Amino acid sequence: MESIKEESEDLKIEDAVTVKQEDAEEQTELMSLKEESEVLDEMEEKDHDIVTEEKSETTSSQKSNFTCQQCEKCFSTKGNLKLHIDIHTGEKPYTCQQCGKCFTKKGTLKGHMSIHTREKPYMCPQCGNCFTQQGSFNRHMRVHTGEKPYTCKLCERSFTTKLNLKYHMNSHTGETPFTCDQCGRSFRHKITLKKHMKVHLRESSFMCHQCGMSFSDSQNLTNHVITHTGEKPYMCLQCGKTCSNNTNLGVHMRIHTGEKPFTCPECGKSFRFIGNFQTHMRVHTGERPYMCLECDESFTYQRDLKRHLLTHSGKEV
């Protein structure tokens, strides 16, 4: 019964987002976004540790010499103060020679370069996963140890990473700091905004003449057109199921192989489908994307919103 249920979920995913979620190009982009986020998150945590150390070691005479005039943070050396001031000025003197991205600190650039080299020198001794950054490795180890050092002061929930705590805080404040400059929609998470921006990019790309949907490249358009013709040329040799494209067949094969490539960094639970993984992450981040337009109450899952809407219509739940 479980495999049938998962098969049903697979069909929903295939019909709704035929080539969006499992497209190889998009997976690479999401991986790059994830690695870039890990680099920035690691540097942010390092900065936090440095500031704490600087404050504890700084004497009263040093405070008067190396104090930021804008935010009054104190530093033990002039060099650290100069690095800090770049945050206020917006200056980013360190540029990646491969992609042109700029950074305020040399250490951040060095960490960023591992995205291009794909070097992963940090290996987990328990599960064999490899990481480009030591900070990413340290955060991963918390999955095995159960350590959650970042605690919300409002509800006392704890998280393995500072970034997840930051996302969680938006659920208390209702803040949506990431705004689309094209349509004005705002989001709680930067990654959600990046995904949303693809909607606008597709408006001037490859369009299906039957339904008007647009795609980022010709291959995705070709795969989509097959959904109109009903053609499913790719067959599973184990159960006979047919799929409209090779990507969806690969996703289907996980039911037979048992592969679960999407692992939650918070609790270690694994998933076969990226859609199920993304839905699960809301449990940890506190994201509630489904909002009732009548009373502004929000929900983690769409099914809960549908059940709630019945209370407004007068029907029995």
C-alpha atoms as a PDB file:
ATOM      1  CA  MET A   1       0.000   0.000   0.000  1.00  0.00           C
ATOM      2  CA  GLU A   2       2.868   2.364   0.803  1.00  0.00           C
ATOM      3  CA  SER A   3       4.382   1.926  -2.673  1.00  0.00           C
ATOM      4  CA  ILE A   4       0.961   2.611  -4.267  1.00  0.00           C
ATOM      5  CA  LYS A   5       0.626   5.801  -2.217  1.00  0.00           C
ATOM      6  CA  GLU A   6       4.101   6.906  -3.225  1.00  0.00           C
ATOM      7  CA  GLU A   7       3.292   5.984  -6.842  1.00  0.00           C
ATOM      8  CA  SER A   8       0.251   8.272  -6.613  1.00  0.00           C
ATOM      9  CA  GLU A   9       2.419  11.089  -5.284  1.00  0.00           C
ATOM     10  CA  ASP A  10       4.812  10.473  -8.155  1.00  0.00           C
ATOM     11  CA  LEU A  11       1.958  10.809 -10.662  1.00  0.00           C
ATOM     12  CA  LYS A  12       0.889  14.100  -9.102  1.00  0.00           C
ATOM     13  CA  ILE A  13       4.404  15.403  -9.323  1.00  0.00           C
ATOM     14  CA  GLU A  14       4.764  14.235 -12.915  1.00  0.00           C
ATOM     15  CA  ASP A  15       1.476  15.832 -14.014  1.00  0.00           C
ATOM     16  CA  ALA A  16       1.869  19.102 -12.125  1.00  0.00           C
ATOM     17  CA  VAL A  17       5.528  19.910 -12.642  1.00  0.00           C
ATOM     18  CA  THR A  18       6.624  17.624 -15.443  1.00  0.00           C
ATOM     19  CA  VAL A  19      10.067  19.022 -15.989  1.00  0.00           C
ATOM     20  CA  LYS A  20      10.542  21.610 -13.280  1.00  0.00           C
ATOM     21  CA  GLN A  21      11.687  19.672 -10.251  1.00  0.00           C
ATOM     22  CA  GLU A  22      13.848  16.906 -11.667  1.00  0.00           C
ATOM     23  CA  ASP A  23      15.393  18.723 -14.638  1.00  0.00           C
ATOM     24  CA  ALA A  24      19.152  18.214 -14.459  1.00  0.00           C
ATOM     25  CA  GLU A  25      19.948  21.854 -15.117  1.00  0.00           C
ATOM     26  CA  GLU A  26      17.646  23.022 -12.325  1.00  0.00           C
ATOM     27  CA  GLN A  27      19.062  20.455  -9.915  1.00  0.00           C
ATOM     28  CA  THR A  28      22.556  21.803 -10.617  1.00  0.00           C
ATOM     29  CA  GLU A  29      21.331  25.344 -10.018  1.00  0.00           C
ATOM     30  CA  LEU A  30      19.658  24.373  -6.736  1.00  0.00           C
ATOM     31  CA  MET A  31      22.822  22.591  -5.652  1.00  0.00           C
ATOM     32  CA  SER A  32      24.866  25.711  -6.407  1.00  0.00           C
ATOM     33  CA  LEU A  33      22.392  27.843  -4.451  1.00  0.00           C
ATOM     34  CA  LYS A  34      22.619  25.416  -1.539  1.00  0.00           C
ATOM     35  CA  GLU A  35      26.434  25.413  -1.595  1.00  0.00           C
ATOM     36  CA  GLU A  36      26.538  29.217  -1.911  1.00  0.00           C
ATOM     37  CA  SER A  37      24.164  29.439   1.060  1.00  0.00           C
ATOM     38  CA  GLU A  38      26.404  27.084   3.032  1.00  0.00           C
ATOM     39  CA  VAL A  39      29.435  29.287   2.298  1.00  0.00           C
ATOM     40  CA  LEU A  40      27.665  32.459   3.411  1.00  0.00           C
ATOM     41  CA  ASP A  41      26.121  30.738   6.427  1.00  0.00           C
ATOM     42  CA  GLU A  42      29.521  29.429   7.502  1.00  0.00           C
ATOM     43  CA  MET A  43      31.129  32.853   7.160  1.00  0.00           C
ATOM     44  CA  GLU A  44      28.256  34.429   9.109  1.00  0.00           C
ATOM     45  CA  GLU A  45      28.752  31.963  11.956  1.00  0.00           C
ATOM     46  CA  LYS A  46      32.511  32.570  11.860  1.00  0.00           C
ATOM     47  CA  ASP A  47      31.922  36.309  12.027  1.00  0.00           C
ATOM     48  CA  HIS A  48      29.656  35.806  15.017  1.00  0.00           C
ATOM     49  CA  ASP A  49      32.344  33.771  16.793  1.00  0.00           C
ATOM     50  CA  ILE A  50      35.045  36.341  15.940  1.00  0.00           C
ATOM     51  CA  VAL A  51      32.975  39.227  17.256  1.00  0.00           C
ATOM     52  CA  THR A  52      32.314  37.352  20.508  1.00  0.00           C
ATOM     53  CA  GLU A  53      36.002  36.573  20.902  1.00  0.00           C
ATOM     54  CA  GLU A  54      37.012  40.136  20.063  1.00  0.00           C
ATOM     55  CA  LYS A  55      34.668  41.557  22.672  1.00  0.00           C
ATOM     56  CA  SER A  56      35.926  39.252  25.409  1.00  0.00           C
ATOM     57  CA  GLU A  57      39.582  39.972  24.679  1.00  0.00           C
ATOM     58  CA  THR A  58      39.330  43.711  24.053  1.00  0.00           C
ATOM     59  CA  THR A  59      40.565  45.971  26.846  1.00  0.00           C
ATOM     60  CA  SER A  60      39.060  49.368  27.643  1.00  0.00           C
ATOM     61  CA  SER A  61      41.961  51.175  25.954  1.00  0.00           C
ATOM     62  CA  GLN A  62      41.573  49.096  22.784  1.00  0.00           C
ATOM     63  CA  LYS A  63      37.851  49.830  22.652  1.00  0.00           C
ATOM     64  CA  SER A  64      38.506  53.509  22.271  1.00  0.00           C
ATOM     65  CA  ASN A  65      41.013  52.861  19.477  1.00  0.00           C
ATOM     66  CA  PHE A  66      39.146  50.280  17.357  1.00  0.00           C
ATOM     67  CA  THR A  67      35.444  51.077  17.617  1.00  0.00           C
ATOM     68  CA  CYS A  68      33.041  51.270  14.676  1.00  0.00           C
ATOM     69  CA  GLN A  69      31.565  54.775  14.615  1.00  0.00           C
ATOM     70  CA  GLN A  70      28.335  53.532  12.997  1.00  0.00           C
ATOM     71  CA  CYS A  71      27.296  50.636  15.238  1.00  0.00           C
ATOM     72  CA  GLU A  72      29.814  50.944  18.153  1.00  0.00           C
ATOM     73  CA  LYS A  73      31.083  47.368  17.835  1.00  0.00           C
ATOM     74  CA  CYS A  74      34.606  46.992  19.258  1.00  0.00           C
ATOM     75  CA  PHE A  75      37.592  45.167  17.781  1.00  0.00           C
ATOM     76  CA  SER A  76      41.041  44.263  19.049  1.00  0.00           C
ATOM     77  CA  THR A  77      42.840  45.083  15.785  1.00  0.00           C
ATOM     78  CA  LYS A  78      42.594  47.793  13.160  1.00  0.00           C
ATOM     79  CA  GLY A  79      42.436  45.137  10.422  1.00  0.00           C
ATOM     80  CA  ASN A  80      39.312  43.520  11.874  1.00  0.00           C
ATOM     81  CA  LEU A  81      37.691  46.944  12.199  1.00  0.00           C
ATOM     82  CA  LYS A  82      38.438  47.677   8.523  1.00  0.00           C
ATOM     83  CA  LEU A  83      36.884  44.375   7.458  1.00  0.00           C
ATOM     84  CA  HIS A  84      33.804  45.166   9.530  1.00  0.00           C
ATOM     85  CA  ILE A  85      33.390  48.670   8.039  1.00  0.00           C
ATOM     86  CA  ASP A  86      32.998  47.123   4.564  1.00  0.00           C
ATOM     87  CA  ILE A  87      29.624  45.814   5.780  1.00  0.00           C
ATOM     88  CA  HIS A  88      28.387  49.390   6.177  1.00  0.00           C
ATOM     89  CA  THR A  89      29.980  50.811   3.021  1.00  0.00           C
ATOM     90  CA  GLY A  90      28.885  47.910   0.821  1.00  0.00           C
ATOM     91  CA  GLU A  91      32.411  47.642  -0.616  1.00  0.00           C
ATOM     92  CA  LYS A  92      33.265  44.199  -2.030  1.00  0.00           C
ATOM     93  CA  PRO A  93      36.914  44.273  -3.129  1.00  0.00           C
ATOM     94  CA  TYR A  94      37.383  40.501  -3.634  1.00  0.00           C
ATOM     95  CA  THR A  95      36.120  39.254  -7.019  1.00  0.00           C
ATOM     96  CA  CYS A  96      35.797  35.679  -8.277  1.00  0.00           C
ATOM     97  CA  GLN A  97      37.702  35.388 -11.574  1.00  0.00           C
ATOM     98  CA  GLN A  98      35.387  32.633 -12.825  1.00  0.00           C
ATOM     99  CA  CYS A  99      31.897  34.077 -12.314  1.00  0.00           C
ATOM    100  CA  GLY A 100      32.516  37.719 -11.385  1.00  0.00           C
ATOM    101  CA  LYS A 101      30.774  37.555  -7.998  1.00  0.00           C
ATOM    102  CA  CYS A 102      32.201  39.969  -5.417  1.00  0.00           C
ATOM    103  CA  PHE A 103      32.760  39.556  -1.665  1.00  0.00           C
ATOM    104  CA  THR A 104      33.652  41.771   1.282  1.00  0.00           C
ATOM    105  CA  LYS A 105      36.185  39.299   2.711  1.00  0.00           C
ATOM    106  CA  LYS A 106      38.988  37.242   1.226  1.00  0.00           C
ATOM    107  CA  GLY A 107      37.943  34.234   3.319  1.00  0.00           C
ATOM    108  CA  THR A 108      34.436  34.318   1.840  1.00  0.00           C
ATOM    109  CA  LEU A 109      35.888  34.360  -1.689  1.00  0.00           C
ATOM    110  CA  LYS A 110      38.112  31.404  -0.827  1.00  0.00           C
ATOM    111  CA  GLY A 111      35.107  29.460   0.426  1.00  0.00           C
ATOM    112  CA  HIS A 112      33.125  30.415  -2.679  1.00  0.00           C
ATOM    113  CA  MET A 113      35.823  29.035  -4.998  1.00  0.00           C
ATOM    114  CA  SER A 114      35.110  25.498  -3.809  1.00  0.00           C
ATOM    115  CA  ILE A 115      31.797  25.734  -5.684  1.00  0.00           C
ATOM    116  CA  HIS A 116      33.714  25.984  -8.965  1.00  0.00           C
ATOM    117  CA  THR A 117      36.373  23.383  -8.151  1.00  0.00           C
ATOM    118  CA  ARG A 118      33.803  20.948  -6.646  1.00  0.00           C
ATOM    119  CA  GLU A 119      36.490  19.944  -4.156  1.00  0.00           C
ATOM    120  CA  LYS A 120      34.964  18.254  -1.081  1.00  0.00           C
ATOM    121  CA  PRO A 121      37.778  17.551   1.379  1.00  0.00           C
ATOM    122  CA  TYR A 122      35.615  17.091   4.511  1.00  0.00           C
ATOM    123  CA  MET A 123      34.196  13.573   4.852  1.00  0.00           C
ATOM    124  CA  CYS A 124      31.760  12.405   7.524  1.00  0.00           C
ATOM    125  CA  PRO A 125      33.232   9.353   9.277  1.00  0.00           C
ATOM    126  CA  GLN A 126      29.762   8.013  10.075  1.00  0.00           C
ATOM    127  CA  CYS A 127      27.917   8.134   6.733  1.00  0.00           C
ATOM    128  CA  GLY A 128      30.579   9.049   4.150  1.00  0.00           C
ATOM    129  CA  ASN A 129      28.968  12.298   2.945  1.00  0.00           C
ATOM    130  CA  CYS A 130      31.521  14.848   1.711  1.00  0.00           C
ATOM    131  CA  PHE A 131      31.432  18.646   2.008  1.00  0.00           C
ATOM    132  CA  THR A 132      33.183  21.622   0.448  1.00  0.00           C
ATOM    133  CA  GLN A 133      33.226  23.665   3.676  1.00  0.00           C
ATOM    134  CA  GLN A 134      34.287  22.757   7.199  1.00  0.00           C
ATOM    135  CA  GLY A 135      31.294  24.681   8.516  1.00  0.00           C
ATOM    136  CA  SER A 136      28.956  22.553   6.363  1.00  0.00           C
ATOM    137  CA  PHE A 137      30.669  19.430   7.696  1.00  0.00           C
ATOM    138  CA  ASN A 138      30.271  20.651  11.300  1.00  0.00           C
ATOM    139  CA  ARG A 139      26.569  21.355  10.743  1.00  0.00           C
ATOM    140  CA  HIS A 140      26.092  17.921   9.168  1.00  0.00           C
ATOM    141  CA  MET A 141      27.687  16.221  12.173  1.00  0.00           C
ATOM    142  CA  ARG A 142      24.906  17.682  14.328  1.00  0.00           C
ATOM    143  CA  VAL A 143      22.503  15.348  12.485  1.00  0.00           C
ATOM    144  CA  HIS A 144      24.399  12.430  14.042  1.00  0.00           C
ATOM    145  CA  THR A 145      25.013  14.028  17.457  1.00  0.00           C
ATOM    146  CA  GLY A 146      21.566  15.621  17.778  1.00  0.00           C
ATOM    147  CA  GLU A 147      23.130  18.928  18.820  1.00  0.00           C
ATOM    148  CA  LYS A 148      20.933  22.020  18.226  1.00  0.00           C
ATOM    149  CA  PRO A 149      22.902  25.040  19.501  1.00  0.00           C
ATOM    150  CA  TYR A 150      20.622  27.785  18.130  1.00  0.00           C
ATOM    151  CA  THR A 151      17.529  28.378  20.274  1.00  0.00           C
ATOM    152  CA  CYS A 152      14.558  30.665  19.605  1.00  0.00           C
ATOM    153  CA  LYS A 153      14.097  33.045  22.561  1.00  0.00           C
ATOM    154  CA  LEU A 154      10.363  33.312  21.905  1.00  0.00           C
ATOM    155  CA  CYS A 155       9.304  29.657  21.839  1.00  0.00           C
ATOM    156  CA  GLU A 156      12.537  27.866  22.885  1.00  0.00           C
ATOM    157  CA  ARG A 157      12.640  25.686  19.767  1.00  0.00           C
ATOM    158  CA  SER A 158      16.201  24.726  18.872  1.00  0.00           C
ATOM    159  CA  PHE A 159      17.863  24.386  15.471  1.00  0.00           C
ATOM    160  CA  THR A 160      21.059  22.881  14.100  1.00  0.00           C
ATOM    161  CA  THR A 161      21.952  25.973  12.034  1.00  0.00           C
ATOM    162  CA  LYS A 162      21.805  29.719  12.560  1.00  0.00           C
ATOM    163  CA  LEU A 163      20.134  30.111   9.158  1.00  0.00           C
ATOM    164  CA  ASN A 164      17.191  27.864  10.091  1.00  0.00           C
ATOM    165  CA  LEU A 165      16.730  29.840  13.313  1.00  0.00           C
ATOM    166  CA  LYS A 166      16.696  33.045  11.252  1.00  0.00           C
ATOM    167  CA  TYR A 167      14.038  31.600   8.928  1.00  0.00           C
ATOM    168  CA  HIS A 168      12.043  30.381  11.916  1.00  0.00           C
ATOM    169  CA  MET A 169      11.993  33.860  13.470  1.00  0.00           C
ATOM    170  CA  ASN A 170      10.053  35.100  10.444  1.00  0.00           C
ATOM    171  CA  SER A 171       7.176  32.851  11.516  1.00  0.00           C
ATOM    172  CA  HIS A 172       6.914  34.869  14.748  1.00  0.00           C
ATOM    173  CA  THR A 173       7.322  38.309  13.227  1.00  0.00           C
ATOM    174  CA  GLY A 174       5.426  37.632   9.987  1.00  0.00           C
ATOM    175  CA  GLU A 175       8.277  39.387   8.205  1.00  0.00           C
ATOM    176  CA  THR A 176       8.702  38.717   4.463  1.00  0.00           C
ATOM    177  CA  PRO A 177      11.978  40.521   3.708  1.00  0.00           C
ATOM    178  CA  PHE A 178      12.604  39.140   0.213  1.00  0.00           C
ATOM    179  CA  THR A 179      10.590  41.106  -2.381  1.00  0.00           C
ATOM    180  CA  CYS A 180      10.250  40.512  -6.121  1.00  0.00           C
ATOM    181  CA  ASP A 181      11.140  43.736  -7.928  1.00  0.00           C
ATOM    182  CA  GLN A 182       8.919  42.805 -10.881  1.00  0.00           C
ATOM    183  CA  CYS A 183       5.567  42.021  -9.289  1.00  0.00           C
ATOM    184  CA  GLY A 184       5.996  43.139  -5.668  1.00  0.00           C
ATOM    185  CA  ARG A 185       5.322  39.748  -4.058  1.00  0.00           C
ATOM    186  CA  SER A 186       7.372  39.181  -0.918  1.00  0.00           C
ATOM    187  CA  PHE A 187       8.666  35.985   0.649  1.00  0.00           C
ATOM    188  CA  ARG A 188      10.089  34.820   3.966  1.00  0.00           C
ATOM    189  CA  HIS A 189      12.976  32.939   2.369  1.00  0.00           C
ATOM    190  CA  LYS A 190      15.548  33.978  -0.231  1.00  0.00           C
ATOM    191  CA  ILE A 191      15.419  30.575  -1.955  1.00  0.00           C
ATOM    192  CA  THR A 192      11.629  30.950  -2.389  1.00  0.00           C
ATOM    193  CA  LEU A 193      12.155  34.307  -4.091  1.00  0.00           C
ATOM    194  CA  LYS A 194      14.781  32.811  -6.433  1.00  0.00           C
ATOM    195  CA  LYS A 195      12.341  30.067  -7.479  1.00  0.00           C
ATOM    196  CA  HIS A 196       9.598  32.643  -7.969  1.00  0.00           C
ATOM    197  CA  MET A 197      11.805  34.751 -10.268  1.00  0.00           C
ATOM    198  CA  LYS A 198      11.822  31.889 -12.799  1.00  0.00           C
ATOM    199  CA  VAL A 199       8.155  32.656 -13.452  1.00  0.00           C
ATOM    200  CA  HIS A 200       9.182  36.027 -14.877  1.00  0.00           C
ATOM    201  CA  LEU A 201      12.173  34.625 -16.771  1.00  0.00           C
ATOM    202  CA  ARG A 202       9.949  32.156 -18.605  1.00  0.00           C
ATOM    203  CA  GLU A 203       7.655  34.897 -19.842  1.00  0.00           C
ATOM    204  CA  SER A 204      10.117  35.687 -22.622  1.00  0.00           C
ATOM    205  CA  SER A 205      11.424  32.197 -23.360  1.00  0.00           C
ATOM    206  CA  PHE A 206      10.065  28.983 -24.952  1.00  0.00           C
ATOM    207  CA  MET A 207       6.248  28.945 -25.066  1.00  0.00           C
ATOM    208  CA  CYS A 208       3.827  26.074 -25.649  1.00  0.00           C
ATOM    209  CA  HIS A 209       1.320  27.100 -28.356  1.00  0.00           C
ATOM    210  CA  GLN A 210      -1.344  24.775 -26.969  1.00  0.00           C
ATOM    211  CA  CYS A 211      -1.597  26.047 -23.385  1.00  0.00           C
ATOM    212  CA  GLY A 212       0.621  29.151 -23.252  1.00  0.00           C
ATOM    213  CA  MET A 213       3.038  27.777 -20.643  1.00  0.00           C
ATOM    214  CA  SER A 214       6.631  29.023 -20.993  1.00  0.00           C
ATOM    215  CA  PHE A 215       9.908  27.225 -20.318  1.00  0.00           C
ATOM    216  CA  SER A 216      13.557  28.149 -19.890  1.00  0.00           C
ATOM    217  CA  ASP A 217      14.854  25.946 -22.713  1.00  0.00           C
ATOM    218  CA  SER A 218      13.741  23.946 -25.755  1.00  0.00           C
ATOM    219  CA  GLN A 219      14.222  20.543 -24.089  1.00  0.00           C
ATOM    220  CA  ASN A 220      11.828  21.395 -21.274  1.00  0.00           C
ATOM    221  CA  LEU A 221       9.326  22.639 -23.853  1.00  0.00           C
ATOM    222  CA  THR A 222       9.666  19.409 -25.835  1.00  0.00           C
ATOM    223  CA  ASN A 223       9.088  17.330 -22.717  1.00  0.00           C
ATOM    224  CA  HIS A 224       6.021  19.421 -21.900  1.00  0.00           C
ATOM    225  CA  VAL A 225       4.447  19.113 -25.370  1.00  0.00           C
ATOM    226  CA  ILE A 226       4.388  15.325 -24.912  1.00  0.00           C
ATOM    227  CA  THR A 227       1.893  15.823 -22.040  1.00  0.00           C
ATOM    228  CA  HIS A 228      -0.587  17.189 -24.608  1.00  0.00           C
ATOM    229  CA  THR A 229      -0.124  14.334 -27.088  1.00  0.00           C
ATOM    230  CA  GLY A 230      -0.342  11.699 -24.340  1.00  0.00           C
ATOM    231  CA  GLU A 231       2.800  10.003 -25.613  1.00  0.00           C
ATOM    232  CA  LYS A 232       4.795   8.114 -22.968  1.00  0.00           C
ATOM    233  CA  PRO A 233       7.720   6.445 -24.743  1.00  0.00           C
ATOM    234  CA  TYR A 234       9.803   5.623 -21.642  1.00  0.00           C
ATOM    235  CA  MET A 235       8.856   2.324 -19.961  1.00  0.00           C
ATOM    236  CA  CYS A 236       9.926   0.860 -16.622  1.00  0.00           C
ATOM    237  CA  LEU A 237      11.251  -2.654 -17.233  1.00  0.00           C
ATOM    238  CA  GLN A 238      10.268  -3.786 -13.731  1.00  0.00           C
ATOM    239  CA  CYS A 239       6.572  -2.878 -13.574  1.00  0.00           C
ATOM    240  CA  GLY A 240       5.656  -1.680 -17.077  1.00  0.00           C
ATOM    241  CA  LYS A 241       4.793   1.896 -16.070  1.00  0.00           C
ATOM    242  CA  THR A 242       5.347   4.403 -18.870  1.00  0.00           C
ATOM    243  CA  CYS A 243       6.570   7.989 -18.494  1.00  0.00           C
ATOM    244  CA  SER A 244       6.583  10.994 -20.785  1.00  0.00           C
ATOM    245  CA  ASN A 245      10.323  11.620 -20.390  1.00  0.00           C
ATOM    246  CA  ASN A 246      13.483   9.950 -19.160  1.00  0.00           C
ATOM    247  CA  THR A 247      13.741  12.225 -16.107  1.00  0.00           C
ATOM    248  CA  ASN A 248      10.343  11.130 -14.778  1.00  0.00           C
ATOM    249  CA  LEU A 249      11.268   7.505 -15.427  1.00  0.00           C
ATOM    250  CA  GLY A 250      14.396   8.013 -13.304  1.00  0.00           C
ATOM    251  CA  VAL A 251      12.253   9.464 -10.507  1.00  0.00           C
ATOM    252  CA  HIS A 252       9.868   6.501 -10.759  1.00  0.00           C
ATOM    253  CA  MET A 253      12.725   3.985 -10.536  1.00  0.00           C
ATOM    254  CA  ARG A 254      13.438   5.137  -6.963  1.00  0.00           C
ATOM    255  CA  ILE A 255      10.321   3.220  -5.891  1.00  0.00           C
ATOM    256  CA  HIS A 256      12.011  -0.001  -7.010  1.00  0.00           C
ATOM    257  CA  THR A 257      15.576   0.817  -5.948  1.00  0.00           C
ATOM    258  CA  GLY A 258      14.591   2.362  -2.590  1.00  0.00           C
ATOM    259  CA  GLU A 259      16.803   5.371  -3.311  1.00  0.00           C
ATOM    260  CA  LYS A 260      16.027   8.445  -1.179  1.00  0.00           C
ATOM    261  CA  PRO A 261      18.447  11.148  -2.336  1.00  0.00           C
ATOM    262  CA  PHE A 262      16.933  14.080  -0.432  1.00  0.00           C
ATOM    263  CA  THR A 263      18.027  14.106   3.224  1.00  0.00           C
ATOM    264  CA  CYS A 264      16.822  16.573   5.861  1.00  0.00           C
ATOM    265  CA  PRO A 265      19.812  18.314   7.506  1.00  0.00           C
ATOM    266  CA  GLU A 266      17.776  18.823  10.702  1.00  0.00           C
ATOM    267  CA  CYS A 267      16.559  15.301  11.546  1.00  0.00           C
ATOM    268  CA  GLY A 268      18.235  13.059   8.968  1.00  0.00           C
ATOM    269  CA  LYS A 269      14.984  11.792   7.429  1.00  0.00           C
ATOM    270  CA  SER A 270      15.280  10.948   3.715  1.00  0.00           C
ATOM    271  CA  PHE A 271      12.817  11.301   0.846  1.00  0.00           C
ATOM    272  CA  ARG A 272      12.439   9.936  -2.673  1.00  0.00           C
ATOM    273  CA  PHE A 273      10.956  13.104  -4.134  1.00  0.00           C
ATOM    274  CA  ILE A 274      12.143  16.694  -3.836  1.00  0.00           C
ATOM    275  CA  GLY A 275       8.552  17.901  -3.435  1.00  0.00           C
ATOM    276  CA  ASN A 276       8.065  15.741  -0.333  1.00  0.00           C
ATOM    277  CA  PHE A 277      11.425  16.900   1.033  1.00  0.00           C
ATOM    278  CA  GLN A 278      10.516  20.577   0.578  1.00  0.00           C
ATOM    279  CA  THR A 279       7.155  20.026   2.274  1.00  0.00           C
ATOM    280  CA  HIS A 280       8.878  18.271   5.198  1.00  0.00           C
ATOM    281  CA  MET A 281      11.330  21.157   5.707  1.00  0.00           C
ATOM    282  CA  ARG A 282       8.423  23.414   6.720  1.00  0.00           C
ATOM    283  CA  VAL A 283       8.233  21.418   9.949  1.00  0.00           C
ATOM    284  CA  HIS A 284      11.693  22.713  10.888  1.00  0.00           C
ATOM    285  CA  THR A 285      11.608  26.213   9.372  1.00  0.00           C
ATOM    286  CA  GLY A 286       8.105  27.048  10.593  1.00  0.00           C
ATOM    287  CA  GLU A 287       7.099  28.220   7.104  1.00  0.00           C
ATOM    288  CA  ARG A 288       3.311  28.402   6.613  1.00  0.00           C
ATOM    289  CA  PRO A 289       2.826  29.304   2.926  1.00  0.00           C
ATOM    290  CA  TYR A 290      -0.916  28.585   2.659  1.00  0.00           C
ATOM    291  CA  MET A 291      -2.952  31.566   3.880  1.00  0.00           C
ATOM    292  CA  CYS A 292      -6.712  31.955   4.266  1.00  0.00           C
ATOM    293  CA  LEU A 293      -7.817  35.102   2.424  1.00  0.00           C
ATOM    294  CA  GLU A 294     -10.799  35.531   4.734  1.00  0.00           C
ATOM    295  CA  CYS A 295      -9.125  35.545   8.146  1.00  0.00           C
ATOM    296  CA  ASP A 296      -5.365  35.665   7.333  1.00  0.00           C
ATOM    297  CA  GLU A 297      -4.673  32.435   9.241  1.00  0.00           C
ATOM    298  CA  SER A 298      -1.808  30.498   7.641  1.00  0.00           C
ATOM    299  CA  PHE A 299      -1.054  26.781   7.393  1.00  0.00           C
ATOM    300  CA  THR A 300       1.920  24.519   6.753  1.00  0.00           C
ATOM    301  CA  TYR A 301       0.053  22.178   4.390  1.00  0.00           C
ATOM    302  CA  GLN A 302      -2.515  22.810   1.666  1.00  0.00           C
ATOM    303  CA  ARG A 303      -4.784  20.069   3.022  1.00  0.00           C
ATOM    304  CA  ASP A 304      -5.044  21.942   6.332  1.00  0.00           C
ATOM    305  CA  LEU A 305      -6.047  25.141   4.507  1.00  0.00           C
ATOM    306  CA  LYS A 306      -8.757  23.260   2.571  1.00  0.00           C
ATOM    307  CA  ARG A 307     -10.102  21.801   5.825  1.00  0.00           C
ATOM    308  CA  HIS A 308     -10.064  25.259   7.411  1.00  0.00           C
ATOM    309  CA  LEU A 309     -11.960  26.837   4.483  1.00  0.00           C
ATOM    310  CA  LEU A 310     -14.895  24.557   5.234  1.00  0.00           C
ATOM    311  CA  THR A 311     -15.397  26.454   8.505  1.00  0.00           C
ATOM    312  CA  HIS A 312     -16.058  29.636   6.507  1.00  0.00           C
ATOM    313  CA  SER A 313     -18.411  27.940   4.049  1.00  0.00           C
ATOM    314  CA  GLY A 314     -20.550  26.517   6.861  1.00  0.00           C
ATOM    315  CA  LYS A 315     -19.905  22.920   5.875  1.00  0.00           C
ATOM    316  CA  GLU A 316     -19.027  20.275   8.437  1.00  0.00           C
ATOM    317  CA  VAL A 317     -15.322  19.551   8.726  1.00  0.00           C
END
